[in-house]
All heavy atoms as atom14 arrays in JSON, in Angstrom:
{
  "sequence": "GKTLYHWGNKSLEEIYVQVRSLALLTARLHDCRLLLRDYTPGNILQ",
  "atom14_mask": [
    [1, 1, 1, 1, 0, 0, 0, 0, 0, 0, 0, 0, 0, 0],
    [1, 1, 1, 1, 1, 1, 1, 1, 1, 0, 0, 0, 0, 0],
    [1, 1, 1, 1, 1, 1, 1, 0, 0, 0, 0, 0, 0, 0],
    [1, 1, 1, 1, 1, 1, 1, 1, 0, 0, 0, 0, 0, 0],
    [1, 1, 1, 1, 1, 1, 1, 1, 1, 1, 1, 1, 0, 0],
    [1, 1, 1, 1, 1, 1, 1, 1, 1, 1, 0, 0, 0, 0],
    [1, 1, 1, 1, 1, 1, 1, 1, 1, 1, 1, 1, 1, 1],
    [1, 1, 1, 1, 0, 0, 0, 0, 0, 0, 0, 0, 0, 0],
    [1, 1, 1, 1, 1, 1, 1, 1, 0, 0, 0, 0, 0, 0],
    [1, 1, 1, 1, 1, 1, 1, 1, 1, 0, 0, 0, 0, 0],
    [1, 1, 1, 1, 1, 1, 0, 0, 0, 0, 0, 0, 0, 0],
    [1, 1, 1, 1, 1, 1, 1, 1, 0, 0, 0, 0, 0, 0],
    [1, 1, 1, 1, 1, 1, 1, 1, 1, 0, 0, 0, 0, 0],
    [1, 1, 1, 1, 1, 1, 1, 1, 1, 0, 0, 0, 0, 0],
    [1, 1, 1, 1, 1, 1, 1, 1, 0, 0, 0, 0, 0, 0],
    [1, 1, 1, 1, 1, 1, 1, 1, 1, 1, 1, 1, 0, 0],
    [1, 1, 1, 1, 1, 1, 1, 0, 0, 0, 0, 0, 0, 0],
    [1, 1, 1, 1, 1, 1, 1, 1, 1, 0, 0, 0, 0, 0],
    [1, 1, 1, 1, 1, 1, 1, 0, 0, 0, 0, 0, 0, 0],
    [1, 1, 1, 1, 1, 1, 1, 1, 1, 1, 1, 0, 0, 0],
    [1, 1, 1, 1, 1, 1, 0, 0, 0, 0, 0, 0, 0, 0],
    [1, 1, 1, 1, 1, 1, 1, 1, 0, 0, 0, 0, 0, 0],
    [1, 1, 1, 1, 1, 0, 0, 0, 0, 0, 0, 0, 0, 0],
    [1, 1, 1, 1, 1, 1, 1, 1, 0, 0, 0, 0, 0, 0],
    [1, 1, 1, 1, 1, 1, 1, 1, 0, 0, 0, 0, 0, 0],
    [1, 1, 1, 1, 1, 1, 1, 0, 0, 0, 0, 0, 0, 0],
    [1, 1, 1, 1, 1, 0, 0, 0, 0, 0, 0, 0, 0, 0],
    [1, 1, 1, 1, 1, 1, 1, 1, 1, 1, 1, 0, 0, 0],
    [1, 1, 1, 1, 1, 1, 1, 1, 0, 0, 0, 0, 0, 0],
    [1, 1, 1, 1, 1, 1, 1, 1, 1, 1, 0, 0, 0, 0],
    [1, 1, 1, 1, 1, 1, 1, 1, 0, 0, 0, 0, 0, 0],
    [1, 1, 1, 1, 1, 1, 0, 0, 0, 0, 0, 0, 0, 0],
    [1, 1, 1, 1, 1, 1, 1, 1, 1, 1, 1, 0, 0, 0],
    [1, 1, 1, 1, 1, 1, 1, 1, 0, 0, 0, 0, 0, 0],
    [1, 1, 1, 1, 1, 1, 1, 1, 0, 0, 0, 0, 0, 0],
    [1, 1, 1, 1, 1, 1, 1, 1, 0, 0, 0, 0, 0, 0],
    [1, 1, 1, 1, 1, 1, 1, 1, 1, 1, 1, 0, 0, 0],
    [1, 1, 1, 1, 1, 1, 1, 1, 0, 0, 0, 0, 0, 0],
    [1, 1, 1, 1, 1, 1, 1, 1, 1, 1, 1, 1, 0, 0],
    [1, 1, 1, 1, 1, 1, 1, 0, 0, 0, 0, 0, 0, 0],
    [1, 1, 1, 1, 1, 1, 1, 0, 0, 0, 0, 0, 0, 0],
    [1, 1, 1, 1, 0, 0, 0, 0, 0, 0, 0, 0, 0, 0],
    [1, 1, 1, 1, 1, 1, 1, 1, 0, 0, 0, 0, 0, 0],
    [1, 1, 1, 1, 1, 1, 1, 1, 0, 0, 0, 0, 0, 0],
    [1, 1, 1, 1, 1, 1, 1, 1, 0, 0, 0, 0, 0, 0],
    [1, 1, 1, 1, 1, 1, 1, 1, 1, 0, 0, 0, 0, 0]
  ],
  "atom14_positions": [
    [[-12.93, -46.82, 15.3], [-12.58, -45.79, 14.33], [-11.14, -45.96, 13.87], [-10.47, -46.92, 14.26], [0.0, 0.0, 0.0], [0.0, 0.0, 0.0], [0.0, 0.0, 0.0], [0.0, 0.0, 0.0], [0.0, 0.0, 0.0], [0.0, 0.0, 0.0], [0.0, 0.0, 0.0], [0.0, 0.0, 0.0], [0.0, 0.0, 0.0], [0.0, 0.0, 0.0]],
    [[-10.7, -45.05, 13.05], [-9.33, -45.07, 12.54], [-8.7, -43.72, 12.78], [-9.36, -42.69, 12.72], [-9.32, -45.34, 11.04], [-9.83, -46.68, 10.62], [-9.76, -46.82, 9.11], [-10.28, -48.16, 8.67], [-10.26, -48.28, 7.21], [0.0, 0.0, 0.0], [0.0, 0.0, 0.0], [0.0, 0.0, 0.0], [0.0, 0.0, 0.0], [0.0, 0.0, 0.0]],
    [[-7.4, -43.73, 13.04], [-6.69, -42.46, 13.13], [-6.46, -41.97, 11.7], [-6.69, -42.7, 10.73], [-5.33, -42.62, 13.84], [-4.51, -43.48, 13.06], [-5.51, -43.16, 15.25], [0.0, 0.0, 0.0], [0.0, 0.0, 0.0], [0.0, 0.0, 0.0], [0.0, 0.0, 0.0], [0.0, 0.0, 0.0], [0.0, 0.0, 0.0], [0.0, 0.0, 0.0]],
    [[-6.0, -40.76, 11.57], [-5.79, -40.21, 10.24], [-4.57, -40.81, 9.52], [-4.36, -40.55, 8.35], [-5.65, -38.68, 10.31], [-6.86, -37.96, 10.89], [-6.69, -36.46, 10.74], [-8.16, -38.41, 10.26], [0.0, 0.0, 0.0], [0.0, 0.0, 0.0], [0.0, 0.0, 0.0], [0.0, 0.0, 0.0], [0.0, 0.0, 0.0], [0.0, 0.0, 0.0]],
    [[-3.82, -41.64, 10.22], [-2.7, -42.32, 9.57], [-3.18, -43.2, 8.41], [-2.43, -43.47, 7.48], [-1.9, -43.16, 10.57], [-1.01, -42.35, 11.46], [-1.19, -42.34, 12.83], [0.03, -41.58, 10.93], [-0.36, -41.6, 13.66], [0.85, -40.83, 11.75], [0.65, -40.85, 13.11], [1.47, -40.11, 13.93], [0.0, 0.0, 0.0], [0.0, 0.0, 0.0]],
    [[-4.43, -43.63, 8.45], [-4.91, -44.5, 7.37], [-5.03, -43.74, 6.04], [-5.18, -44.35, 4.99], [-6.24, -45.18, 7.74], [-7.45, -44.32, 7.57], [-7.86, -43.42, 8.51], [-8.33, -44.24, 6.55], [-8.95, -42.81, 8.09], [-9.26, -43.29, 6.9], [0.0, 0.0, 0.0], [0.0, 0.0, 0.0], [0.0, 0.0, 0.0], [0.0, 0.0, 0.0]],
    [[-4.93, -42.41, 6.09], [-4.93, -41.64, 4.84], [-3.66, -41.94, 4.05], [-3.68, -41.93, 2.82], [-5.02, -40.15, 5.11], [-6.36, -39.69, 5.63], [-7.45, -40.46, 5.9], [-6.75, -38.36, 5.93], [-8.48, -39.69, 6.36], [-8.08, -38.4, 6.39], [-6.1, -37.14, 5.88], [-8.78, -37.26, 6.78], [-6.8, -36.01, 6.26], [-8.12, -36.06, 6.71]],
    [[-2.58, -42.21, 4.79], [-1.32, -42.6, 4.14], [-0.89, -41.64, 3.04], [-0.93, -40.43, 3.19], [0.0, 0.0, 0.0], [0.0, 0.0, 0.0], [0.0, 0.0, 0.0], [0.0, 0.0, 0.0], [0.0, 0.0, 0.0], [0.0, 0.0, 0.0], [0.0, 0.0, 0.0], [0.0, 0.0, 0.0], [0.0, 0.0, 0.0], [0.0, 0.0, 0.0]],
    [[-0.49, -42.2, 1.94], [-0.02, -41.41, 0.79], [-1.09, -41.28, -0.28], [-0.77, -41.13, -1.45], [1.25, -42.04, 0.2], [2.4, -41.99, 1.17], [2.56, -41.0, 1.89], [3.19, -43.04, 1.21], [0.0, 0.0, 0.0], [0.0, 0.0, 0.0], [0.0, 0.0, 0.0], [0.0, 0.0, 0.0], [0.0, 0.0, 0.0], [0.0, 0.0, 0.0]],
    [[-2.35, -41.34, 0.12], [-3.44, -41.23, -0.84], [-3.51, -39.8, -1.39], [-3.14, -38.84, -0.73], [-4.77, -41.61, -0.19], [-4.82, -43.05, 0.24], [-6.13, -43.37, 0.91], [-6.13, -44.82, 1.37], [-7.33, -45.14, 2.12], [0.0, 0.0, 0.0], [0.0, 0.0, 0.0], [0.0, 0.0, 0.0], [0.0, 0.0, 0.0], [0.0, 0.0, 0.0]],
    [[-4.05, -39.68, -2.58], [-4.2, -38.36, -3.18], [-5.38, -37.64, -2.55], [-6.26, -38.26, -1.94], [-4.44, -38.5, -4.7], [-5.72, -39.08, -4.93], [0.0, 0.0, 0.0], [0.0, 0.0, 0.0], [0.0, 0.0, 0.0], [0.0, 0.0, 0.0], [0.0, 0.0, 0.0], [0.0, 0.0, 0.0], [0.0, 0.0, 0.0], [0.0, 0.0, 0.0]],
    [[-5.4, -36.34, -2.7], [-6.49, -35.53, -2.15], [-7.84, -35.98, -2.72], [-8.84, -36.0, -2.01], [-6.25, -34.05, -2.44], [-7.27, -33.07, -1.85], [-7.35, -33.23, -0.33], [-6.92, -31.64, -2.22], [0.0, 0.0, 0.0], [0.0, 0.0, 0.0], [0.0, 0.0, 0.0], [0.0, 0.0, 0.0], [0.0, 0.0, 0.0], [0.0, 0.0, 0.0]],
    [[-7.84, -36.36, -3.98], [-9.09, -36.83, -4.6], [-9.61, -38.08, -3.9], [-10.82, -38.25, -3.74], [-8.89, -37.12, -6.1], [-8.64, -35.88, -6.95], [-7.2, -35.36, -6.84], [-6.28, -36.13, -6.52], [-7.02, -34.14, -7.04], [0.0, 0.0, 0.0], [0.0, 0.0, 0.0], [0.0, 0.0, 0.0], [0.0, 0.0, 0.0], [0.0, 0.0, 0.0]],
    [[-8.7, -38.96, -3.47], [-9.11, -40.21, -2.81], [-9.68, -39.97, -1.42], [-10.52, -40.73, -0.96], [-7.91, -41.16, -2.69], [-7.44, -41.72, -4.02], [-6.2, -42.59, -3.83], [-5.12, -42.01, -3.62], [-6.35, -43.82, -3.87], [0.0, 0.0, 0.0], [0.0, 0.0, 0.0], [0.0, 0.0, 0.0], [0.0, 0.0, 0.0], [0.0, 0.0, 0.0]],
    [[-9.24, -38.92, -0.77], [-9.69, -38.67, 0.61], [-10.42, -37.33, 0.76], [-10.6, -36.83, 1.85], [-8.5, -38.73, 1.6], [-7.42, -37.73, 1.2], [-7.96, -40.14, 1.73], [-6.32, -37.57, 2.23], [0.0, 0.0, 0.0], [0.0, 0.0, 0.0], [0.0, 0.0, 0.0], [0.0, 0.0, 0.0], [0.0, 0.0, 0.0], [0.0, 0.0, 0.0]],
    [[-10.92, -36.82, -0.36], [-11.56, -35.5, -0.36], [-12.68, -35.41, 0.68], [-12.75, -34.43, 1.43], [-12.11, -35.18, -1.76], [-12.87, -33.88, -1.79], [-12.2, -32.66, -1.82], [-14.27, -33.86, -1.76], [-12.89, -31.46, -1.82], [-14.97, -32.67, -1.75], [-14.27, -31.48, -1.79], [-14.95, -30.29, -1.78], [0.0, 0.0, 0.0], [0.0, 0.0, 0.0]],
    [[-13.55, -36.39, 0.75], [-14.68, -36.34, 1.69], [-14.18, -36.3, 3.13], [-14.68, -35.52, 3.95], [-15.62, -37.55, 1.46], [-16.69, -37.62, 2.53], [-16.25, -37.48, 0.08], [0.0, 0.0, 0.0], [0.0, 0.0, 0.0], [0.0, 0.0, 0.0], [0.0, 0.0, 0.0], [0.0, 0.0, 0.0], [0.0, 0.0, 0.0], [0.0, 0.0, 0.0]],
    [[-13.14, -37.09, 3.45], [-12.6, -37.1, 4.81], [-11.92, -35.77, 5.15], [-12.07, -35.26, 6.26], [-11.6, -38.25, 5.0], [-12.23, -39.61, 4.99], [-12.23, -40.24, 3.61], [-11.9, -39.6, 2.61], [-12.61, -41.49, 3.54], [0.0, 0.0, 0.0], [0.0, 0.0, 0.0], [0.0, 0.0, 0.0], [0.0, 0.0, 0.0], [0.0, 0.0, 0.0]],
    [[-11.17, -35.2, 4.21], [-10.49, -33.93, 4.44], [-11.53, -32.83, 4.64], [-11.4, -31.99, 5.55], [-9.53, -33.58, 3.28], [-8.99, -32.16, 3.4], [-8.39, -34.58, 3.22], [0.0, 0.0, 0.0], [0.0, 0.0, 0.0], [0.0, 0.0, 0.0], [0.0, 0.0, 0.0], [0.0, 0.0, 0.0], [0.0, 0.0, 0.0], [0.0, 0.0, 0.0]],
    [[-12.56, -32.83, 3.82], [-13.64, -31.83, 3.96], [-14.32, -31.97, 5.33], [-14.59, -30.98, 6.01], [-14.64, -31.99, 2.82], [-15.76, -30.97, 2.83], [-16.47, -30.95, 1.48], [-17.76, -30.34, 1.47], [-18.09, -29.12, 1.87], [-17.17, -28.36, 2.4], [-19.31, -28.66, 1.79], [0.0, 0.0, 0.0], [0.0, 0.0, 0.0], [0.0, 0.0, 0.0]],
    [[-14.56, -33.2, 5.73], [-15.19, -33.46, 7.03], [-14.3, -32.94, 8.17], [-14.79, -32.32, 9.12], [-15.44, -34.96, 7.19], [-15.93, -35.25, 8.45], [0.0, 0.0, 0.0], [0.0, 0.0, 0.0], [0.0, 0.0, 0.0], [0.0, 0.0, 0.0], [0.0, 0.0, 0.0], [0.0, 0.0, 0.0], [0.0, 0.0, 0.0], [0.0, 0.0, 0.0]],
    [[-12.99, -33.16, 8.09], [-12.06, -32.67, 9.1], [-12.03, -31.14, 9.12], [-12.0, -30.53, 10.19], [-10.65, -33.24, 8.85], [-9.58, -32.8, 9.83], [-9.92, -33.24, 11.25], [-8.22, -33.36, 9.41], [0.0, 0.0, 0.0], [0.0, 0.0, 0.0], [0.0, 0.0, 0.0], [0.0, 0.0, 0.0], [0.0, 0.0, 0.0], [0.0, 0.0, 0.0]],
    [[-12.07, -30.54, 7.95], [-12.08, -29.07, 7.88], [-13.36, -28.51, 8.52], [-13.31, -27.52, 9.27], [-11.97, -28.61, 6.43], [0.0, 0.0, 0.0], [0.0, 0.0, 0.0], [0.0, 0.0, 0.0], [0.0, 0.0, 0.0], [0.0, 0.0, 0.0], [0.0, 0.0, 0.0], [0.0, 0.0, 0.0], [0.0, 0.0, 0.0], [0.0, 0.0, 0.0]],
    [[-14.5, -29.14, 8.27], [-15.76, -28.68, 8.87], [-15.74, -28.88, 10.38], [-16.23, -28.02, 11.13], [-16.94, -29.42, 8.24], [-17.23, -29.06, 6.78], [-18.28, -30.0, 6.18], [-17.67, -27.61, 6.65], [0.0, 0.0, 0.0], [0.0, 0.0, 0.0], [0.0, 0.0, 0.0], [0.0, 0.0, 0.0], [0.0, 0.0, 0.0], [0.0, 0.0, 0.0]],
    [[-15.18, -29.99, 10.84], [-15.05, -30.22, 12.27], [-14.17, -29.14, 12.92], [-14.5, -28.59, 13.96], [-14.45, -31.61, 12.55], [-14.06, -31.88, 14.0], [-15.32, -32.01, 14.87], [-13.21, -33.12, 14.1], [0.0, 0.0, 0.0], [0.0, 0.0, 0.0], [0.0, 0.0, 0.0], [0.0, 0.0, 0.0], [0.0, 0.0, 0.0], [0.0, 0.0, 0.0]],
    [[-13.07, -28.83, 12.27], [-12.16, -27.8, 12.78], [-12.86, -26.45, 12.85], [-12.72, -25.72, 13.85], [-10.9, -27.71, 11.89], [-10.27, -29.0, 11.85], [-9.93, -26.68, 12.4], [0.0, 0.0, 0.0], [0.0, 0.0, 0.0], [0.0, 0.0, 0.0], [0.0, 0.0, 0.0], [0.0, 0.0, 0.0], [0.0, 0.0, 0.0], [0.0, 0.0, 0.0]],
    [[-13.64, -26.13, 11.84], [-14.39, -24.86, 11.85], [-15.39, -24.85, 13.0], [-15.53, -23.83, 13.69], [-15.1, -24.67, 10.51], [0.0, 0.0, 0.0], [0.0, 0.0, 0.0], [0.0, 0.0, 0.0], [0.0, 0.0, 0.0], [0.0, 0.0, 0.0], [0.0, 0.0, 0.0], [0.0, 0.0, 0.0], [0.0, 0.0, 0.0], [0.0, 0.0, 0.0]],
    [[-16.08, -25.96, 13.22], [-17.03, -26.05, 14.35], [-16.31, -25.86, 15.69], [-16.82, -25.19, 16.59], [-17.75, -27.4, 14.35], [-18.92, -27.49, 13.42], [-19.72, -28.79, 13.56], [-20.12, -29.06, 14.94], [-20.03, -30.26, 15.52], [-19.56, -31.29, 14.86], [-20.42, -30.42, 16.76], [0.0, 0.0, 0.0], [0.0, 0.0, 0.0], [0.0, 0.0, 0.0]],
    [[-15.13, -26.49, 15.82], [-14.35, -26.33, 17.05], [-14.0, -24.86, 17.26], [-14.15, -24.33, 18.36], [-13.07, -27.17, 16.99], [-13.23, -28.67, 17.16], [-11.98, -29.41, 16.72], [-13.57, -29.01, 18.61], [0.0, 0.0, 0.0], [0.0, 0.0, 0.0], [0.0, 0.0, 0.0], [0.0, 0.0, 0.0], [0.0, 0.0, 0.0], [0.0, 0.0, 0.0]],
    [[-13.55, -24.2, 16.21], [-13.16, -22.8, 16.31], [-14.37, -21.92, 16.62], [-14.27, -20.97, 17.39], [-12.46, -22.33, 15.04], [-11.1, -22.91, 14.89], [-10.24, -22.57, 13.87], [-10.44, -23.84, 15.62], [-9.1, -23.25, 14.0], [-9.2, -24.03, 15.04], [0.0, 0.0, 0.0], [0.0, 0.0, 0.0], [0.0, 0.0, 0.0], [0.0, 0.0, 0.0]],
    [[-15.53, -22.25, 16.06], [-16.76, -21.51, 16.37], [-17.09, -21.62, 17.86], [-17.68, -20.7, 18.44], [-17.94, -22.03, 15.55], [-17.87, -21.61, 14.09], [-17.09, -20.69, 13.77], [-18.59, -22.22, 13.27], [0.0, 0.0, 0.0], [0.0, 0.0, 0.0], [0.0, 0.0, 0.0], [0.0, 0.0, 0.0], [0.0, 0.0, 0.0], [0.0, 0.0, 0.0]],
    [[-16.72, -22.75, 18.47], [-16.94, -22.95, 19.92], [-15.77, -22.43, 20.74], [-15.7, -22.68, 21.94], [-17.16, -24.44, 20.21], [-18.69, -25.09, 19.54], [0.0, 0.0, 0.0], [0.0, 0.0, 0.0], [0.0, 0.0, 0.0], [0.0, 0.0, 0.0], [0.0, 0.0, 0.0], [0.0, 0.0, 0.0], [0.0, 0.0, 0.0], [0.0, 0.0, 0.0]],
    [[-14.83, -21.76, 20.08], [-13.65, -21.19, 20.72], [-12.75, -22.28, 21.33], [-12.14, -22.1, 22.37], [-14.02, -20.14, 21.74], [-14.92, -19.05, 21.11], [-15.32, -17.93, 21.97], [-14.38, -16.86, 22.26], [-13.77, -16.05, 21.39], [-13.94, -16.22, 20.12], [-12.99, -15.08, 21.8], [0.0, 0.0, 0.0], [0.0, 0.0, 0.0], [0.0, 0.0, 0.0]],
    [[-12.68, -23.4, 20.62], [-11.81, -24.49, 21.03], [-10.7, -24.63, 20.0], [-10.94, -24.63, 18.8], [-12.59, -25.81, 21.12], [-13.71, -25.84, 22.16], [-14.52, -27.13, 22.02], [-13.14, -25.72, 23.56], [0.0, 0.0, 0.0], [0.0, 0.0, 0.0], [0.0, 0.0, 0.0], [0.0, 0.0, 0.0], [0.0, 0.0, 0.0], [0.0, 0.0, 0.0]],
    [[-9.48, -24.76, 20.48], [-8.32, -24.88, 19.6], [-7.54, -26.12, 20.0], [-7.08, -26.24, 21.13], [-7.42, -23.64, 19.73], [-6.1, -23.67, 18.98], [-6.34, -23.72, 17.47], [-5.26, -22.46, 19.34], [0.0, 0.0, 0.0], [0.0, 0.0, 0.0], [0.0, 0.0, 0.0], [0.0, 0.0, 0.0], [0.0, 0.0, 0.0], [0.0, 0.0, 0.0]],
    [[-7.41, -27.04, 19.05], [-6.59, -28.24, 19.29], [-5.14, -27.86, 19.07], [-4.78, -27.37, 18.0], [-7.0, -29.37, 18.35], [-8.32, -30.04, 18.69], [-8.88, -30.77, 17.5], [-8.12, -30.98, 19.85], [0.0, 0.0, 0.0], [0.0, 0.0, 0.0], [0.0, 0.0, 0.0], [0.0, 0.0, 0.0], [0.0, 0.0, 0.0], [0.0, 0.0, 0.0]],
    [[-4.31, -28.1, 20.07], [-2.89, -27.74, 19.95], [-2.04, -28.9, 19.46], [-0.9, -28.7, 19.07], [-2.37, -27.28, 21.31], [-2.93, -25.96, 21.71], [-2.27, -25.5, 22.97], [-2.64, -24.12, 23.24], [-2.47, -23.55, 24.39], [-1.92, -24.2, 25.39], [-2.83, -22.3, 24.57], [0.0, 0.0, 0.0], [0.0, 0.0, 0.0], [0.0, 0.0, 0.0]],
    [[-2.55, -30.09, 19.52], [-1.78, -31.26, 19.12], [-2.54, -32.0, 18.02], [-3.0, -33.11, 18.18], [-1.56, -32.17, 20.33], [-0.44, -33.17, 20.13], [0.2, -33.13, 19.05], [-0.2, -33.98, 21.03], [0.0, 0.0, 0.0], [0.0, 0.0, 0.0], [0.0, 0.0, 0.0], [0.0, 0.0, 0.0], [0.0, 0.0, 0.0], [0.0, 0.0, 0.0]],
    [[-2.69, -31.33, 16.9], [-3.48, -31.81, 15.77], [-2.64, -32.75, 14.91], [-2.3, -32.45, 13.79], [-3.9, -30.6, 14.93], [-5.35, -30.57, 14.53], [-6.18, -29.57, 14.98], [-5.88, -31.52, 13.69], [-7.5, -29.51, 14.61], [-7.2, -31.48, 13.32], [-8.01, -30.47, 13.78], [-9.32, -30.43, 13.41], [0.0, 0.0, 0.0], [0.0, 0.0, 0.0]],
    [[-2.35, -33.91, 15.46], [-1.55, -34.9, 14.72], [-2.44, -36.05, 14.29], [-3.49, -36.29, 14.9], [-0.4, -35.42, 15.59], [-0.94, -35.97, 16.79], [0.58, -34.31, 15.94], [0.0, 0.0, 0.0], [0.0, 0.0, 0.0], [0.0, 0.0, 0.0], [0.0, 0.0, 0.0], [0.0, 0.0, 0.0], [0.0, 0.0, 0.0], [0.0, 0.0, 0.0]],
    [[-2.05, -36.79, 13.27], [-2.9, -37.87, 12.77], [-3.28, -38.92, 13.81], [-4.38, -39.46, 13.76], [-2.04, -38.51, 11.66], [-1.1, -37.45, 11.23], [-0.84, -36.63, 12.46], [0.0, 0.0, 0.0], [0.0, 0.0, 0.0], [0.0, 0.0, 0.0], [0.0, 0.0, 0.0], [0.0, 0.0, 0.0], [0.0, 0.0, 0.0], [0.0, 0.0, 0.0]],
    [[-2.42, -39.17, 14.78], [-2.73, -40.17, 15.79], [-3.67, -39.67, 16.88], [-4.19, -40.46, 17.66], [0.0, 0.0, 0.0], [0.0, 0.0, 0.0], [0.0, 0.0, 0.0], [0.0, 0.0, 0.0], [0.0, 0.0, 0.0], [0.0, 0.0, 0.0], [0.0, 0.0, 0.0], [0.0, 0.0, 0.0], [0.0, 0.0, 0.0], [0.0, 0.0, 0.0]],
    [[-3.91, -38.37, 16.92], [-4.76, -37.8, 17.97], [-6.2, -37.55, 17.51], [-7.0, -37.04, 18.26], [-4.18, -36.5, 18.49], [-2.99, -36.73, 19.38], [-2.75, -37.84, 19.83], [-2.22, -35.69, 19.63], [0.0, 0.0, 0.0], [0.0, 0.0, 0.0], [0.0, 0.0, 0.0], [0.0, 0.0, 0.0], [0.0, 0.0, 0.0], [0.0, 0.0, 0.0]],
    [[-6.51, -37.87, 16.28], [-7.85, -37.67, 15.77], [-8.4, -39.03, 15.34], [-7.79, -39.73, 14.53], [-7.85, -36.69, 14.58], [-7.3, -35.35, 15.03], [-9.24, -36.55, 13.99], [-7.01, -34.39, 13.92], [0.0, 0.0, 0.0], [0.0, 0.0, 0.0], [0.0, 0.0, 0.0], [0.0, 0.0, 0.0], [0.0, 0.0, 0.0], [0.0, 0.0, 0.0]],
    [[-9.54, -39.39, 15.9], [-10.17, -40.67, 15.6], [-11.34, -40.4, 14.65], [-12.26, -39.66, 14.97], [-10.68, -41.33, 16.87], [-11.21, -42.75, 16.74], [-10.09, -43.7, 16.3], [-11.8, -43.2, 18.05], [0.0, 0.0, 0.0], [0.0, 0.0, 0.0], [0.0, 0.0, 0.0], [0.0, 0.0, 0.0], [0.0, 0.0, 0.0], [0.0, 0.0, 0.0]],
    [[-11.28, -40.99, 13.47], [-12.32, -40.81, 12.48], [-13.26, -41.99, 12.52], [-12.84, -43.14, 12.44], [-11.69, -40.68, 11.1], [-12.67, -40.35, 10.01], [-11.99, -40.17, 8.68], [-10.89, -40.67, 8.47], [-12.63, -39.46, 7.79], [0.0, 0.0, 0.0], [0.0, 0.0, 0.0], [0.0, 0.0, 0.0], [0.0, 0.0, 0.0], [0.0, 0.0, 0.0]]
  ]
}
């Protein structure tokens, strides 16, 4: 996989699908009452 650093300086339009996927994952985590405290690009493997 790749860390989120590969998003680099791309525009939102270029990475829209990935950002939406991350948002949905975050919502699922919150639904399970899980909160990531260190939500940095190097800590998420896509």
